[in-house]
Amino acid sequence: MVAAEAVELAPGQRATVGTGVSIALPDGYAAFVVPRSGLASKHGITIVNSPGTVDAGYRGEIRVTLLNTDASLPYSVAVGDRIAQLIISPVTRAVFIPINTLPESQRGASGFGSTGYSAPQSGENA
């Protein structure tokens, strides 16, 4: 996705940038707006709500909310600059059924960060 307008992002600033692109996705598909790795690694530019989701019913312009995470340097976006990537993918619609209790699972109700991490034991390097 390219910028259809110029914007200057001060350190820590965010701005929503137009792309001039509108699409009509078929039912069963969604588009996901994601950051460009080069902008992120070289300049600290990312997308605030990544991935931004474009559903099949949306017909307006795709806009990208960029964030300058650099603490000291501004970043200039010029018309035509590549600012994001658009991934189009089939999506499944879930049908939810209200129930009183959920089936058991190995993880259970353990919350955020409860899988794949264990704190270093005493004497281990962090």
Protein backbone atom coordinates (compact mmCIF):
# COMPACT_ATOMS: atom_id res chain seq x y z
CA MET A 1 0.00 0.00 0.00
CA VAL A 2 1.30 3.43 -0.84
CA ALA A 3 0.60 6.84 0.68
CA ALA A 4 -1.78 9.07 -1.26
CA GLU A 5 -0.86 12.05 0.91
CA ALA A 6 2.27 13.46 2.51
CA VAL A 7 2.66 13.60 6.28
CA GLU A 8 5.43 14.40 8.75
CA LEU A 9 5.50 12.17 11.83
CA ALA A 10 7.27 13.73 14.80
CA PRO A 11 8.85 11.35 17.34
CA GLY A 12 6.04 9.48 19.09
CA GLN A 13 3.37 10.93 16.78
CA ARG A 14 0.73 8.97 14.87
CA ALA A 15 -1.27 9.94 11.81
CA THR A 16 -3.87 8.27 9.66
CA VAL A 17 -2.69 8.27 6.05
CA GLY A 18 -4.91 7.73 3.03
CA THR A 19 -3.91 5.23 0.36
CA GLY A 20 -6.42 6.17 -2.33
CA VAL A 21 -7.39 2.49 -2.52
CA SER A 22 -10.88 1.04 -2.08
CA ILE A 23 -11.65 -2.64 -2.63
CA ALA A 24 -14.68 -4.92 -2.77
CA LEU A 25 -13.77 -8.20 -1.14
CA PRO A 26 -16.08 -11.16 -1.69
CA ASP A 27 -17.90 -12.67 1.29
CA GLY A 28 -15.67 -15.06 3.16
CA TYR A 29 -12.55 -12.91 2.74
CA ALA A 30 -10.86 -10.19 4.77
CA ALA A 31 -7.83 -8.00 4.15
CA PHE A 32 -5.27 -7.31 6.85
CA VAL A 33 -3.14 -4.14 6.81
CA VAL A 34 0.28 -4.88 8.33
CA PRO A 35 3.52 -2.94 8.80
CA ARG A 36 6.45 -3.09 6.40
CA SER A 37 9.45 -4.70 8.09
CA GLY A 38 11.95 -2.24 6.57
CA LEU A 39 10.09 0.80 7.88
CA ALA A 40 9.88 -0.77 11.31
CA SER A 41 13.52 -1.85 11.58
CA LYS A 42 15.14 1.16 9.90
CA HIS A 43 12.89 4.01 11.05
CA GLY A 44 10.65 2.74 13.87
CA ILE A 45 7.49 3.21 11.80
CA THR A 46 4.69 0.80 12.61
CA ILE A 47 0.91 0.55 12.40
CA VAL A 48 -1.03 1.33 15.57
CA ASN A 49 -3.80 -1.28 15.25
CA SER A 50 -1.88 -3.94 13.37
CA PRO A 51 -3.26 -5.84 11.78
CA GLY A 52 -5.94 -3.45 10.62
CA THR A 53 -8.87 -5.48 9.36
CA VAL A 54 -10.84 -4.68 6.22
CA ASP A 55 -13.99 -6.79 6.09
CA ALA A 56 -15.90 -7.85 3.00
CA GLY A 57 -18.62 -5.25 3.55
CA TYR A 58 -16.32 -2.19 3.68
CA ARG A 59 -16.21 -0.02 0.56
CA GLY A 60 -14.38 3.10 1.73
CA GLU A 61 -10.77 4.14 1.28
CA ILE A 62 -8.22 2.02 3.11
CA ARG A 63 -6.39 4.32 5.53
CA VAL A 64 -3.34 3.37 7.59
CA THR A 65 -2.61 4.74 11.07
CA LEU A 66 1.16 5.03 11.22
CA LEU A 67 3.14 5.55 14.43
CA ASN A 68 6.68 6.87 14.68
CA THR A 69 8.22 4.97 17.60
CA ASP A 70 11.60 6.70 17.24
CA ALA A 71 12.32 8.77 20.34
CA SER A 72 14.27 11.52 18.60
CA LEU A 73 13.90 11.54 14.80
CA PRO A 74 10.89 12.66 12.74
CA TYR A 75 9.87 10.65 9.68
CA SER A 76 8.50 12.09 6.44
CA VAL A 77 6.00 10.16 4.34
CA ALA A 78 5.78 11.32 0.72
CA VAL A 79 3.02 10.61 -1.78
CA GLY A 80 3.81 7.24 -3.36
CA ASP A 81 5.88 5.91 -0.43
CA ARG A 82 5.17 2.28 0.42
CA ILE A 83 3.71 2.42 3.95
CA ALA A 84 2.01 -0.93 4.56
CA GLN A 85 1.27 -4.37 3.19
CA LEU A 86 -2.18 -5.78 2.47
CA ILE A 87 -2.76 -9.47 3.06
CA ILE A 88 -5.99 -10.91 1.66
CA SER A 89 -7.12 -14.16 3.19
CA PRO A 90 -10.20 -16.37 3.42
CA VAL A 91 -11.83 -16.20 6.83
CA THR A 92 -14.16 -18.57 8.60
CA ARG A 93 -17.25 -17.26 10.32
CA ALA A 94 -17.84 -18.89 13.65
CA VAL A 95 -21.30 -19.63 14.93
CA PHE A 96 -21.38 -19.21 18.70
CA ILE A 97 -23.70 -21.29 20.83
CA PRO A 98 -24.42 -20.09 24.39
CA ILE A 99 -23.61 -22.72 27.04
CA ASN A 100 -23.39 -22.70 30.84
CA THR A 101 -19.95 -24.32 31.22
CA LEU A 102 -16.96 -24.82 28.97
CA PRO A 103 -15.22 -28.16 28.43
CA GLU A 104 -11.92 -28.65 30.29
CA SER A 105 -8.58 -28.02 28.57
CA GLN A 106 -4.93 -28.43 29.51
CA ARG A 107 -4.43 -24.68 29.85
CA GLY A 108 -7.74 -24.02 31.58
CA ALA A 109 -8.27 -20.44 32.70
CA SER A 110 -4.56 -19.54 32.97
CA GLY A 111 -4.22 -16.04 31.58
CA PHE A 112 -1.97 -13.88 29.46
CA GLY A 113 1.60 -15.17 29.24
CA SER A 114 0.81 -18.54 30.80
CA THR A 115 2.20 -20.68 27.96
CA GLY A 116 5.71 -21.11 26.63
CA TYR A 117 7.58 -19.20 29.33
CA SER A 118 9.10 -20.24 32.59
CA ALA A 119 11.01 -17.93 34.89
CA PRO A 120 14.74 -18.69 35.29
CA GLN A 121 15.46 -20.82 38.33
CA SER A 122 17.73 -19.48 41.06
CA GLY A 123 21.32 -19.49 39.75
CA GLU A 124 20.33 -19.62 36.05
CA ASN A 125 21.15 -16.82 33.63
CA ALA A 126 18.16 -14.79 32.55
